[in-house]
Amino acid sequence: MRTAFEAWAQREGHIVRRREDKPEEYLVYETQRRWVIWQAALAHGARTAAETPSKFARDPGIEPKPGIMAPDEASVRNRVLNEVLDAFSELDESAGLEGVFKVIQGLKKKQKALAEKA
């Protein structure tokens, strides 16, 4: 997961050097912030995929073609990505990582509420 993030971040022009005292964190604040958002999006998407297993069930006799996504899977991924992007677009840039964590907690609460309704 981190390798994919770092490849994306480098393509986008972000510095991916990590701190020497805390190698799990990035040296540049904005890269660290995007890493936390990336993880939240993946976790949110994994929960959504787990809640709708029929959308991702494959016929065992059919091998999936590499690089081709099923239309159902693509629509779920797009919906999840849009949810996460909408949640983070409301975030004030001065909020810092605390604001990012609040957004993540809000997404978790929303997901829990939806799960309880079902």
PDB file of N, CA and C in Angstrom:
ATOM      1  N   MET A   1       0.825  -1.176   0.000  1.00  0.00           N
ATOM      2  CA  MET A   1       0.000   0.000   0.000  1.00  0.00           C
ATOM      3  C   MET A   1       0.877   1.250   0.000  1.00  0.00           C
ATOM      4  N   ARG A   2       1.915   1.264   0.819  1.00  0.00           N
ATOM      5  CA  ARG A   2       2.785   2.433   0.890  1.00  0.00           C
ATOM      6  C   ARG A   2       3.530   2.638  -0.430  1.00  0.00           C
ATOM      7  N   THR A   3       3.914   1.534  -1.069  1.00  0.00           N
ATOM      8  CA  THR A   3       4.631   1.637  -2.343  1.00  0.00           C
ATOM      9  C   THR A   3       3.753   2.312  -3.396  1.00  0.00           C
ATOM     10  N   ALA A   4       2.484   1.915  -3.445  1.00  0.00           N
ATOM     11  CA  ALA A   4       1.551   2.527  -4.398  1.00  0.00           C
ATOM     12  C   ALA A   4       1.365   4.006  -4.092  1.00  0.00           C
ATOM     13  N   PHE A   5       1.243   4.333  -2.803  1.00  0.00           N
ATOM     14  CA  PHE A   5       1.096   5.735  -2.417  1.00  0.00           C
ATOM     15  C   PHE A   5       2.318   6.546  -2.828  1.00  0.00           C
ATOM     16  N   GLU A   6       3.506   6.019  -2.531  1.00  0.00           N
ATOM     17  CA  GLU A   6       4.725   6.759  -2.844  1.00  0.00           C
ATOM     18  C   GLU A   6       4.908   6.931  -4.348  1.00  0.00           C
ATOM     19  N   ALA A   7       4.534   5.931  -5.125  1.00  0.00           N
ATOM     20  CA  ALA A   7       4.611   6.062  -6.588  1.00  0.00           C
ATOM     21  C   ALA A   7       3.680   7.171  -7.053  1.00  0.00           C
ATOM     22  N   TRP A   8       2.461   7.182  -6.506  1.00  0.00           N
ATOM     23  CA  TRP A   8       1.504   8.225  -6.869  1.00  0.00           C
ATOM     24  C   TRP A   8       2.017   9.595  -6.423  1.00  0.00           C
ATOM     25  N   ALA A   9       2.508   9.673  -5.191  1.00  0.00           N
ATOM     26  CA  ALA A   9       2.967  10.947  -4.646  1.00  0.00           C
ATOM     27  C   ALA A   9       4.122  11.518  -5.459  1.00  0.00           C
ATOM     28  N   GLN A  10       5.049  10.670  -5.866  1.00  0.00           N
ATOM     29  CA  GLN A  10       6.176  11.145  -6.681  1.00  0.00           C
ATOM     30  C   GLN A  10       5.696  11.648  -8.034  1.00  0.00           C
ATOM     31  N   ARG A  11       4.746  10.942  -8.631  1.00  0.00           N
ATOM     32  CA  ARG A  11       4.194  11.409  -9.919  1.00  0.00           C
ATOM     33  C   ARG A  11       3.536  12.768  -9.769  1.00  0.00           C
ATOM     34  N   GLU A  12       2.942  13.004  -8.591  1.00  0.00           N
ATOM     35  CA  GLU A  12       2.257  14.269  -8.337  1.00  0.00           C
ATOM     36  C   GLU A  12       3.213  15.369  -7.865  1.00  0.00           C
ATOM     37  N   GLY A  13       4.489  15.026  -7.689  1.00  0.00           N
ATOM     38  CA  GLY A  13       5.483  16.020  -7.306  1.00  0.00           C
ATOM     39  C   GLY A  13       5.690  16.191  -5.816  1.00  0.00           C
ATOM     40  N   HIS A  14       5.219  15.260  -5.016  1.00  0.00           N
ATOM     41  CA  HIS A  14       5.403  15.343  -3.563  1.00  0.00           C
ATOM     42  C   HIS A  14       6.729  14.709  -3.162  1.00  0.00           C
ATOM     43  N   ILE A  15       7.285  15.202  -2.082  1.00  0.00           N
ATOM     44  CA  ILE A  15       8.530  14.665  -1.551  1.00  0.00           C
ATOM     45  C   ILE A  15       8.174  13.502  -0.630  1.00  0.00           C
ATOM     46  N   VAL A  16       8.755  12.338  -0.886  1.00  0.00           N
ATOM     47  CA  VAL A  16       8.395  11.141  -0.121  1.00  0.00           C
ATOM     48  C   VAL A  16       9.484  10.701   0.859  1.00  0.00           C
ATOM     49  N   ARG A  17      10.397  11.590   1.178  1.00  0.00           N
ATOM     50  CA  ARG A  17      11.418  11.257   2.190  1.00  0.00           C
ATOM     51  C   ARG A  17      10.742  11.105   3.541  1.00  0.00           C
ATOM     52  N   ARG A  18      11.234  10.136   4.305  1.00  0.00           N
ATOM     53  CA  ARG A  18      10.663   9.888   5.627  1.00  0.00           C
ATOM     54  C   ARG A  18      11.564  10.464   6.712  1.00  0.00           C
ATOM     55  N   ARG A  19      10.976  10.681   7.857  1.00  0.00           N
ATOM     56  CA  ARG A  19      11.721  11.210   8.995  1.00  0.00           C
ATOM     57  C   ARG A  19      12.704  10.157   9.482  1.00  0.00           C
ATOM     58  N   GLU A  20      13.870  10.605   9.932  1.00  0.00           N
ATOM     59  CA  GLU A  20      14.868   9.669  10.452  1.00  0.00           C
ATOM     60  C   GLU A  20      14.474   9.162  11.840  1.00  0.00           C
ATOM     61  N   ASP A  21      13.882  10.025  12.655  1.00  0.00           N
ATOM     62  CA  ASP A  21      13.500   9.621  14.008  1.00  0.00           C
ATOM     63  C   ASP A  21      12.199   8.820  14.047  1.00  0.00           C
ATOM     64  N   LYS A  22      11.338   9.008  13.036  1.00  0.00           N
ATOM     65  CA  LYS A  22      10.072   8.262  12.935  1.00  0.00           C
ATOM     66  C   LYS A  22       9.888   7.830  11.474  1.00  0.00           C
ATOM     67  N   PRO A  23      10.477   6.694  11.089  1.00  0.00           N
ATOM     68  CA  PRO A  23      10.445   6.282   9.682  1.00  0.00           C
ATOM     69  C   PRO A  23       9.054   6.000   9.132  1.00  0.00           C
ATOM     70  N   GLU A  24       8.051   5.850   9.999  1.00  0.00           N
ATOM     71  CA  GLU A  24       6.698   5.618   9.504  1.00  0.00           C
ATOM     72  C   GLU A  24       6.016   6.922   9.073  1.00  0.00           C
ATOM     73  N   GLU A  25       6.656   8.068   9.357  1.00  0.00           N
ATOM     74  CA  GLU A  25       6.098   9.371   8.987  1.00  0.00           C
ATOM     75  C   GLU A  25       6.954  10.028   7.908  1.00  0.00           C
ATOM     76  N   TYR A  26       6.290  10.860   7.111  1.00  0.00           N
ATOM     77  CA  TYR A  26       6.996  11.581   6.048  1.00  0.00           C
ATOM     78  C   TYR A  26       7.547  12.892   6.588  1.00  0.00           C
ATOM     79  N   LEU A  27       8.636  13.320   6.001  1.00  0.00           N
ATOM     80  CA  LEU A  27       9.313  14.534   6.422  1.00  0.00           C
ATOM     81  C   LEU A  27       8.457  15.773   6.136  1.00  0.00           C
ATOM     82  N   VAL A  28       7.799  15.781   5.009  1.00  0.00           N
ATOM     83  CA  VAL A  28       6.984  16.928   4.593  1.00  0.00           C
ATOM     84  C   VAL A  28       5.550  16.736   5.094  1.00  0.00           C
ATOM     85  N   TYR A  29       5.022  17.754   5.743  1.00  0.00           N
ATOM     86  CA  TYR A  29       3.690  17.692   6.348  1.00  0.00           C
ATOM     87  C   TYR A  29       2.625  17.326   5.318  1.00  0.00           C
ATOM     88  N   GLU A  30       2.649  17.952   4.163  1.00  0.00           N
ATOM     89  CA  GLU A  30       1.608  17.714   3.156  1.00  0.00           C
ATOM     90  C   GLU A  30       1.628  16.268   2.671  1.00  0.00           C
ATOM     91  N   THR A  31       2.805  15.682   2.541  1.00  0.00           N
ATOM     92  CA  THR A  31       2.895  14.279   2.142  1.00  0.00           C
ATOM     93  C   THR A  31       2.315  13.400   3.245  1.00  0.00           C
ATOM     94  N   GLN A  32       2.614  13.694   4.491  1.00  0.00           N
ATOM     95  CA  GLN A  32       2.072  12.932   5.618  1.00  0.00           C
ATOM     96  C   GLN A  32       0.554  13.044   5.643  1.00  0.00           C
ATOM     97  N   ARG A  33       0.049  14.237   5.411  1.00  0.00           N
ATOM     98  CA  ARG A  33      -1.402  14.473   5.403  1.00  0.00           C
ATOM     99  C   ARG A  33      -2.060  13.641   4.312  1.00  0.00           C
ATOM    100  N   ARG A  34      -1.480  13.626   3.137  1.00  0.00           N
ATOM    101  CA  ARG A  34      -2.045  12.844   2.028  1.00  0.00           C
ATOM    102  C   ARG A  34      -1.944  11.345   2.293  1.00  0.00           C
ATOM    103  N   TRP A  35      -0.901  10.907   2.995  1.00  0.00           N
ATOM    104  CA  TRP A  35      -0.755   9.495   3.356  1.00  0.00           C
ATOM    105  C   TRP A  35      -1.897   9.071   4.284  1.00  0.00           C
ATOM    106  N   VAL A  36      -2.223   9.916   5.259  1.00  0.00           N
ATOM    107  CA  VAL A  36      -3.312   9.609   6.179  1.00  0.00           C
ATOM    108  C   VAL A  36      -4.638   9.553   5.417  1.00  0.00           C
ATOM    109  N   ILE A  37      -4.842  10.484   4.508  1.00  0.00           N
ATOM    110  CA  ILE A  37      -6.062  10.488   3.693  1.00  0.00           C
ATOM    111  C   ILE A  37      -6.118   9.233   2.829  1.00  0.00           C
ATOM    112  N   TRP A  38      -4.996   8.860   2.236  1.00  0.00           N
ATOM    113  CA  TRP A  38      -4.912   7.662   1.391  1.00  0.00           C
ATOM    114  C   TRP A  38      -5.333   6.423   2.190  1.00  0.00           C
ATOM    115  N   GLN A  39      -4.802   6.310   3.395  1.00  0.00           N
ATOM    116  CA  GLN A  39      -5.142   5.163   4.245  1.00  0.00           C
ATOM    117  C   GLN A  39      -6.631   5.162   4.602  1.00  0.00           C
ATOM    118  N   ALA A  40      -7.164   6.334   4.890  1.00  0.00           N
ATOM    119  CA  ALA A  40      -8.581   6.428   5.235  1.00  0.00           C
ATOM    120  C   ALA A  40      -9.459   6.006   4.062  1.00  0.00           C
ATOM    121  N   ALA A  41      -9.081   6.444   2.873  1.00  0.00           N
ATOM    122  CA  ALA A  41      -9.860   6.084   1.685  1.00  0.00           C
ATOM    123  C   ALA A  41      -9.827   4.578   1.459  1.00  0.00           C
ATOM    124  N   LEU A  42      -8.662   3.967   1.620  1.00  0.00           N
ATOM    125  CA  LEU A  42      -8.553   2.523   1.433  1.00  0.00           C
ATOM    126  C   LEU A  42      -9.345   1.765   2.491  1.00  0.00           C
ATOM    127  N   ALA A  43      -9.273   2.211   3.724  1.00  0.00           N
ATOM    128  CA  ALA A  43     -10.007   1.541   4.800  1.00  0.00           C
ATOM    129  C   ALA A  43     -11.510   1.685   4.583  1.00  0.00           C
ATOM    130  N   HIS A  44     -11.934   2.862   4.187  1.00  0.00           N
ATOM    131  CA  HIS A  44     -13.349   3.118   3.931  1.00  0.00           C
ATOM    132  C   HIS A  44     -13.834   2.245   2.772  1.00  0.00           C
ATOM    133  N   GLY A  45     -13.016   2.145   1.739  1.00  0.00           N
ATOM    134  CA  GLY A  45     -13.373   1.313   0.586  1.00  0.00           C
ATOM    135  C   GLY A  45     -13.408  -0.159   0.933  1.00  0.00           C
ATOM    136  N   ALA A  46     -12.507  -0.609   1.785  1.00  0.00           N
ATOM    137  CA  ALA A  46     -12.477  -2.021   2.183  1.00  0.00           C
ATOM    138  C   ALA A  46     -13.736  -2.382   2.965  1.00  0.00           C
ATOM    139  N   ARG A  47     -14.175  -1.473   3.847  1.00  0.00           N
ATOM    140  CA  ARG A  47     -15.403  -1.736   4.601  1.00  0.00           C
ATOM    141  C   ARG A  47     -16.597  -1.793   3.664  1.00  0.00           C
ATOM    142  N   THR A  48     -16.647  -0.894   2.698  1.00  0.00           N
ATOM    143  CA  THR A  48     -17.751  -0.881   1.750  1.00  0.00           C
ATOM    144  C   THR A  48     -17.759  -2.159   0.927  1.00  0.00           C
ATOM    145  N   ALA A  49     -16.593  -2.601   0.495  1.00  0.00           N
ATOM    146  CA  ALA A  49     -16.502  -3.830  -0.290  1.00  0.00           C
ATOM    147  C   ALA A  49     -16.914  -5.033   0.545  1.00  0.00           C
ATOM    148  N   ALA A  50     -16.552  -5.043   1.822  1.00  0.00           N
ATOM    149  CA  ALA A  50     -16.903  -6.165   2.690  1.00  0.00           C
ATOM    150  C   ALA A  50     -18.407  -6.221   2.943  1.00  0.00           C
ATOM    151  N   GLU A  51     -19.053  -5.058   2.944  1.00  0.00           N
ATOM    152  CA  GLU A  51     -20.488  -5.012   3.196  1.00  0.00           C
ATOM    153  C   GLU A  51     -21.304  -5.417   1.983  1.00  0.00           C
ATOM    154  N   THR A  52     -20.697  -5.371   0.814  1.00  0.00           N
ATOM    155  CA  THR A  52     -21.412  -5.744  -0.408  1.00  0.00           C
ATOM    156  C   THR A  52     -20.627  -6.817  -1.146  1.00  0.00           C
ATOM    157  N   PRO A  53     -20.470  -7.995  -0.536  1.00  0.00           N
ATOM    158  CA  PRO A  53     -19.639  -9.025  -1.167  1.00  0.00           C
ATOM    159  C   PRO A  53     -20.188  -9.514  -2.497  1.00  0.00           C
ATOM    160  N   SER A  54     -21.496  -9.455  -2.685  1.00  0.00           N
ATOM    161  CA  SER A  54     -22.053  -9.926  -3.952  1.00  0.00           C
ATOM    162  C   SER A  54     -21.569  -9.076  -5.126  1.00  0.00           C
ATOM    163  N   LYS A  55     -21.255  -7.843  -4.863  1.00  0.00           N
ATOM    164  CA  LYS A  55     -20.752  -6.970  -5.922  1.00  0.00           C
ATOM    165  C   LYS A  55     -19.390  -7.418  -6.417  1.00  0.00           C
ATOM    166  N   PHE A  56     -18.629  -8.085  -5.545  1.00  0.00           N
ATOM    167  CA  PHE A  56     -17.266  -8.455  -5.881  1.00  0.00           C
ATOM    168  C   PHE A  56     -17.085  -9.954  -6.081  1.00  0.00           C
ATOM    169  N   ALA A  57     -18.160 -10.700  -5.918  1.00  0.00           N
ATOM    170  CA  ALA A  57     -18.057 -12.150  -6.103  1.00  0.00           C
ATOM    171  C   ALA A  57     -17.805 -12.446  -7.575  1.00  0.00           C
ATOM    172  N   ARG A  58     -16.900 -13.342  -7.810  1.00  0.00           N
ATOM    173  CA  ARG A  58     -16.561 -13.720  -9.176  1.00  0.00           C
ATOM    174  C   ARG A  58     -16.924 -15.188  -9.395  1.00  0.00           C
ATOM    175  N   ASP A  59     -17.281 -15.504 -10.615  1.00  0.00           N
ATOM    176  CA  ASP A  59     -17.553 -16.890 -10.970  1.00  0.00           C
ATOM    177  C   ASP A  59     -16.218 -17.634 -10.919  1.00  0.00           C
ATOM    178  N   PRO A  60     -16.108 -18.689 -10.110  1.00  0.00           N
ATOM    179  CA  PRO A  60     -14.819 -19.368  -9.973  1.00  0.00           C
ATOM    180  C   PRO A  60     -14.300 -19.951 -11.284  1.00  0.00           C
ATOM    181  N   GLY A  61     -15.188 -20.204 -12.230  1.00  0.00           N
ATOM    182  CA  GLY A  61     -14.754 -20.776 -13.506  1.00  0.00           C
ATOM    183  C   GLY A  61     -14.200 -19.753 -14.477  1.00  0.00           C
ATOM    184  N   ILE A  62     -14.356 -18.467 -14.150  1.00  0.00           N
ATOM    185  CA  ILE A  62     -13.906 -17.409 -15.059  1.00  0.00           C
ATOM    186  C   ILE A  62     -12.730 -16.684 -14.429  1.00  0.00           C
ATOM    187  N   GLU A  63     -11.633 -16.642 -15.138  1.00  0.00           N
ATOM    188  CA  GLU A  63     -10.461 -15.917 -14.655  1.00  0.00           C
ATOM    189  C   GLU A  63     -10.629 -14.431 -14.975  1.00  0.00           C
ATOM    190  N   PRO A  64     -10.434 -13.542 -13.991  1.00  0.00           N
ATOM    191  CA  PRO A  64     -10.525 -12.112 -14.286  1.00  0.00           C
ATOM    192  C   PRO A  64      -9.348 -11.666 -15.142  1.00  0.00           C
ATOM    193  N   LYS A  65      -9.624 -10.755 -16.055  1.00  0.00           N
ATOM    194  CA  LYS A  65      -8.560 -10.216 -16.901  1.00  0.00           C
ATOM    195  C   LYS A  65      -7.808  -9.157 -16.114  1.00  0.00           C
ATOM    196  N   PRO A  66      -6.473  -9.216 -16.135  1.00  0.00           N
ATOM    197  CA  PRO A  66      -5.717  -8.221 -15.368  1.00  0.00           C
ATOM    198  C   PRO A  66      -5.953  -6.810 -15.900  1.00  0.00           C
ATOM    199  N   GLY A  67      -6.123  -5.885 -14.968  1.00  0.00           N
ATOM    200  CA  GLY A  67      -6.271  -4.485 -15.347  1.00  0.00           C
ATOM    201  C   GLY A  67      -7.688  -4.091 -15.720  1.00  0.00           C
ATOM    202  N   ILE A  68      -8.599  -5.062 -15.797  1.00  0.00           N
ATOM    203  CA  ILE A  68      -9.979  -4.751 -16.152  1.00  0.00           C
ATOM    204  C   ILE A  68     -10.838  -4.901 -14.912  1.00  0.00           C
ATOM    205  N   MET A  69     -11.590  -3.862 -14.599  1.00  0.00           N
ATOM    206  CA  MET A  69     -12.404  -3.833 -13.412  1.00  0.00           C
ATOM    207  C   MET A  69     -13.863  -4.071 -13.809  1.00  0.00           C
ATOM    208  N   ALA A  70     -14.547  -4.868 -13.027  1.00  0.00           N
ATOM    209  CA  ALA A  70     -15.965  -5.102 -13.277  1.00  0.00           C
ATOM    210  C   ALA A  70     -16.725  -3.793 -13.094  1.00  0.00           C
ATOM    211  N   PRO A  71     -17.785  -3.578 -13.886  1.00  0.00           N
ATOM    212  CA  PRO A  71     -18.545  -2.317 -13.762  1.00  0.00           C
ATOM    213  C   PRO A  71     -19.087  -2.086 -12.347  1.00  0.00           C
ATOM    214  N   ASP A  72     -19.554  -3.148 -11.681  1.00  0.00           N
ATOM    215  CA  ASP A  72     -20.058  -2.990 -10.314  1.00  0.00           C
ATOM    216  C   ASP A  72     -18.955  -2.528  -9.372  1.00  0.00           C
ATOM    217  N   GLU A  73     -17.791  -3.143  -9.510  1.00  0.00           N
ATOM    218  CA  GLU A  73     -16.655  -2.791  -8.656  1.00  0.00           C
ATOM    219  C   GLU A  73     -16.225  -1.347  -8.913  1.00  0.00           C
ATOM    220  N   ALA A  74     -16.211  -0.961 -10.168  1.00  0.00           N
ATOM    221  CA  ALA A  74     -15.816   0.408 -10.516  1.00  0.00           C
ATOM    222  C   ALA A  74     -16.794   1.420  -9.935  1.00  0.00           C
ATOM    223  N   SER A  75     -18.078   1.118  -9.983  1.00  0.00           N
ATOM    224  CA  SER A  75     -19.060   2.071  -9.453  1.00  0.00           C
ATOM    225  C   SER A  75     -18.945   2.189  -7.938  1.00  0.00           C
ATOM    226  N   VAL A  76     -18.680   1.068  -7.250  1.00  0.00           N
ATOM    227  CA  VAL A  76     -18.502   1.122  -5.799  1.00  0.00           C
ATOM    228  C   VAL A  76     -17.251   1.919  -5.464  1.00  0.00           C
ATOM    229  N   ARG A  77     -16.167   1.677  -6.191  1.00  0.00           N
ATOM    230  CA  ARG A  77     -14.927   2.427  -5.929  1.00  0.00           C
ATOM    231  C   ARG A  77     -15.124   3.913  -6.169  1.00  0.00           C
ATOM    232  N   ASN A  78     -15.808   4.257  -7.249  1.00  0.00           N
ATOM    233  CA  ASN A  78     -16.058   5.672  -7.531  1.00  0.00           C
ATOM    234  C   ASN A  78     -16.925   6.303  -6.455  1.00  0.00           C
ATOM    235  N   ARG A  79     -17.943   5.583  -5.980  1.00  0.00           N
ATOM    236  CA  ARG A  79     -18.811   6.114  -4.941  1.00  0.00           C
ATOM    237  C   ARG A  79     -18.018   6.346  -3.656  1.00  0.00           C
ATOM    238  N   VAL A  80     -17.191   5.388  -3.293  1.00  0.00           N
ATOM    239  CA  VAL A  80     -16.380   5.516  -2.076  1.00  0.00           C
ATOM    240  C   VAL A  80     -15.395   6.671  -2.211  1.00  0.00           C
ATOM    241  N   LEU A  81     -14.723   6.745  -3.346  1.00  0.00           N
ATOM    242  CA  LEU A  81     -13.770   7.827  -3.557  1.00  0.00           C
ATOM    243  C   LEU A  81     -14.463   9.182  -3.474  1.00  0.00           C
ATOM    244  N   ASN A  82     -15.629   9.303  -4.082  1.00  0.00           N
ATOM    245  CA  ASN A  82     -16.363  10.568  -4.031  1.00  0.00           C
ATOM    246  C   ASN A  82     -16.793  10.910  -2.608  1.00  0.00           C
ATOM    247  N   GLU A  83     -17.205   9.901  -1.824  1.00  0.00           N
ATOM    248  CA  GLU A  83     -17.549  10.143  -0.418  1.00  0.00           C
ATOM    249  C   GLU A  83     -16.358  10.703   0.346  1.00  0.00           C
ATOM    250  N   VAL A  84     -15.211  10.070   0.156  1.00  0.00           N
ATOM    251  CA  VAL A  84     -14.012  10.492   0.871  1.00  0.00           C
ATOM    252  C   VAL A  84     -13.572  11.886   0.421  1.00  0.00           C
ATOM    253  N   LEU A  85     -13.585  12.114  -0.882  1.00  0.00           N
ATOM    254  CA  LEU A  85     -13.189  13.430  -1.395  1.00  0.00           C
ATOM    255  C   LEU A  85     -14.132  14.519  -0.903  1.00  0.00           C
ATOM    256  N   ASP A  86     -15.447  14.248  -0.882  1.00  0.00           N
ATOM    257  CA  ASP A  86     -16.405  15.229  -0.370  1.00  0.00           C
ATOM    258  C   ASP A  86     -16.140  15.544   1.092  1.00  0.00           C
ATOM    259  N   ALA A  87     -15.856  14.492   1.869  1.00  0.00           N
ATOM    260  CA  ALA A  87     -15.594  14.696   3.293  1.00  0.00           C
ATOM    261  C   ALA A  87     -14.351  15.549   3.506  1.00  0.00           C
ATOM    262  N   PHE A  88     -13.304  15.295   2.719  1.00  0.00           N
ATOM    263  CA  PHE A  88     -12.065  16.050   2.897  1.00  0.00           C
ATOM    264  C   PHE A  88     -12.124  17.427   2.245  1.00  0.00           C
ATOM    265  N   SER A  89     -13.007  17.635   1.282  1.00  0.00           N
ATOM    266  CA  SER A  89     -13.098  18.948   0.651  1.00  0.00           C
ATOM    267  C   SER A  89     -13.659  19.988   1.613  1.00  0.00           C
ATOM    268  N   GLU A  90     -14.413  19.535   2.607  1.00  0.00           N
ATOM    269  CA  GLU A  90     -14.972  20.450   3.599  1.00  0.00           C
ATOM    270  C   GLU A  90     -13.965  20.820   4.681  1.00  0.00           C
ATOM    271  N   LEU A  91     -12.820  20.156   4.666  1.00  0.00           N
ATOM    272  CA  LEU A  91     -11.800  20.359   5.693  1.00  0.00           C
ATOM    273  C   LEU A  91     -11.068  21.677   5.467  1.00  0.00           C
ATOM    274  N   ASP A  92     -10.945  22.447   6.524  1.00  0.00           N
ATOM    275  CA  ASP A  92     -10.202  23.698   6.486  1.00  0.00           C
ATOM    276  C   ASP A  92      -8.713  23.366   6.521  1.00  0.00           C
ATOM    277  N   GLU A  93      -7.920  23.984   5.643  1.00  0.00           N
ATOM    278  CA  GLU A  93      -6.494  23.676   5.564  1.00  0.00           C
ATOM    279  C   GLU A  93      -5.747  23.985   6.858  1.00  0.00           C
ATOM    280  N   SER A  94      -6.259  24.893   7.648  1.00  0.00           N
ATOM    281  CA  SER A  94      -5.581  25.232   8.899  1.00  0.00           C
ATOM    282  C   SER A  94      -5.873  24.215   9.995  1.00  0.00           C
ATOM    283  N   ALA A  95      -6.752  23.253   9.728  1.00  0.00           N
ATOM    284  CA  ALA A  95      -7.126  22.256  10.743  1.00  0.00           C
ATOM    285  C   ALA A  95      -5.989  21.278  11.015  1.00  0.00           C
ATOM    286  N   GLY A  96      -5.109  21.067  10.050  1.00  0.00           N
ATOM    287  CA  GLY A  96      -3.976  20.164  10.238  1.00  0.00           C
ATOM    288  C   GLY A  96      -4.404  18.713  10.330  1.00  0.00           C
ATOM    289  N   LEU A  97      -3.526  17.903  10.909  1.00  0.00           N
ATOM    290  CA  LEU A  97      -3.806  16.472  11.027  1.00  0.00           C
ATOM    291  C   LEU A  97      -4.983  16.201  11.956  1.00  0.00           C
ATOM    292  N   GLU A  98      -5.206  17.067  12.927  1.00  0.00           N
ATOM    293  CA  GLU A  98      -6.364  16.893  13.805  1.00  0.00           C
ATOM    294  C   GLU A  98      -7.650  16.945  12.994  1.00  0.00           C
ATOM    295  N   GLY A  99      -7.714  17.844  12.041  1.00  0.00           N
ATOM    296  CA  GLY A  99      -8.881  17.939  11.167  1.00  0.00           C
ATOM    297  C   GLY A  99      -9.040  16.701  10.311  1.00  0.00           C
ATOM    298  N   VAL A 100      -7.921  16.168   9.827  1.00  0.00           N
ATOM    299  CA  VAL A 100      -7.957  14.941   9.025  1.00  0.00           C
ATOM    300  C   VAL A 100      -8.516  13.802   9.867  1.00  0.00           C
ATOM    301  N   PHE A 101      -8.038  13.683  11.107  1.00  0.00           N
ATOM    302  CA  PHE A 101      -8.527  12.619  11.981  1.00  0.00           C
ATOM    303  C   PHE A 101     -10.014  12.793  12.291  1.00  0.00           C
ATOM    304  N   LYS A 102     -10.470  14.042  12.437  1.00  0.00           N
ATOM    305  CA  LYS A 102     -11.900  14.287  12.680  1.00  0.00           C
ATOM    306  C   LYS A 102     -12.729  13.841  11.486  1.00  0.00           C
ATOM    307  N   VAL A 103     -12.236  14.113  10.271  1.00  0.00           N
ATOM    308  CA  VAL A 103     -12.953  13.688   9.074  1.00  0.00           C
ATOM    309  C   VAL A 103     -13.007  12.161   9.020  1.00  0.00           C
ATOM    310  N   ILE A 104     -11.893  11.515   9.335  1.00  0.00           N
ATOM    311  CA  ILE A 104     -11.849  10.049   9.334  1.00  0.00           C
ATOM    312  C   ILE A 104     -12.847   9.497  10.347  1.00  0.00           C
ATOM    313  N   GLN A 105     -12.882  10.080  11.536  1.00  0.00           N
ATOM    314  CA  GLN A 105     -13.837   9.632  12.552  1.00  0.00           C
ATOM    315  C   GLN A 105     -15.272   9.843  12.074  1.00  0.00           C
ATOM    316  N   GLY A 106     -15.516  10.962  11.383  1.00  0.00           N
ATOM    317  CA  GLY A 106     -16.847  11.216  10.834  1.00  0.00           C
ATOM    318  C   GLY A 106     -17.245  10.171   9.804  1.00  0.00           C
ATOM    319  N   LEU A 107     -16.296   9.780   8.959  1.00  0.00           N
ATOM    320  CA  LEU A 107     -16.576   8.732   7.978  1.00  0.00           C
ATOM    321  C   LEU A 107     -16.866   7.402   8.665  1.00  0.00           C
ATOM    322  N   LYS A 108     -16.114   7.103   9.722  1.00  0.00           N
ATOM    323  CA  LYS A 108     -16.340   5.859  10.469  1.00  0.00           C
ATOM    324  C   LYS A 108     -17.719   5.862  11.115  1.00  0.00           C
ATOM    325  N   LYS A 109     -18.105   6.994  11.707  1.00  0.00           N
ATOM    326  CA  LYS A 109     -19.426   7.089  12.336  1.00  0.00           C
ATOM    327  C   LYS A 109     -20.534   6.943  11.307  1.00  0.00           C
ATOM    328  N   LYS A 110     -20.348   7.574  10.164  1.00  0.00           N
ATOM    329  CA  LYS A 110     -21.348   7.475   9.093  1.00  0.00           C
ATOM    330  C   LYS A 110     -21.463   6.027   8.627  1.00  0.00           C
ATOM    331  N   GLN A 111     -20.340   5.359   8.454  1.00  0.00           N
ATOM    332  CA  GLN A 111     -20.343   3.966   8.020  1.00  0.00           C
ATOM    333  C   GLN A 111     -21.024   3.071   9.051  1.00  0.00           C
ATOM    334  N   LYS A 112     -20.752   3.331  10.336  1.00  0.00           N
ATOM    335  CA  LYS A 112     -21.362   2.544  11.408  1.00  0.00           C
ATOM    336  C   LYS A 112     -22.864   2.747  11.443  1.00  0.00           C
ATOM    337  N   ALA A 113     -23.296   4.003  11.275  1.00  0.00           N
ATOM    338  CA  ALA A 113     -24.729   4.287  11.266  1.00  0.00           C
ATOM    339  C   ALA A 113     -25.429   3.588  10.107  1.00  0.00           C
ATOM    340  N   LEU A 114     -24.779   3.583   8.955  1.00  0.00           N
ATOM    341  CA  LEU A 114     -25.361   2.898   7.795  1.00  0.00           C
ATOM    342  C   LEU A 114     -25.434   1.398   8.026  1.00  0.00           C
ATOM    343  N   ALA A 115     -24.416   0.853   8.672  1.00  0.00           N
ATOM    344  CA  ALA A 115     -24.396  -0.585   8.949  1.00  0.00           C
ATOM    345  C   ALA A 115     -25.487  -0.968   9.950  1.00  0.00           C
ATOM    346  N   GLU A 116     -25.746  -0.093  10.922  1.00  0.00           N
ATOM    347  CA  GLU A 116     -26.770  -0.367  11.911  1.00  0.00           C
ATOM    348  C   GLU A 116     -28.166  -0.300  11.305  1.00  0.00           C
ATOM    349  N   LYS A 117     -28.359   0.580  10.303  1.00  0.00           N
ATOM    350  CA  LYS A 117     -29.664   0.685   9.628  1.00  0.00           C
ATOM    351  C   LYS A 117     -29.975  -0.581   8.839  1.00  0.00           C
ATOM    352  N   ALA A 118     -28.924  -1.178   8.259  1.00  0.00           N
ATOM    353  CA  ALA A 118     -29.144  -2.344   7.397  1.00  0.00           C
ATOM    354  C   ALA A 118     -29.396  -3.616   8.141  1.00  0.00           C
TER     355      ALA A 118
END
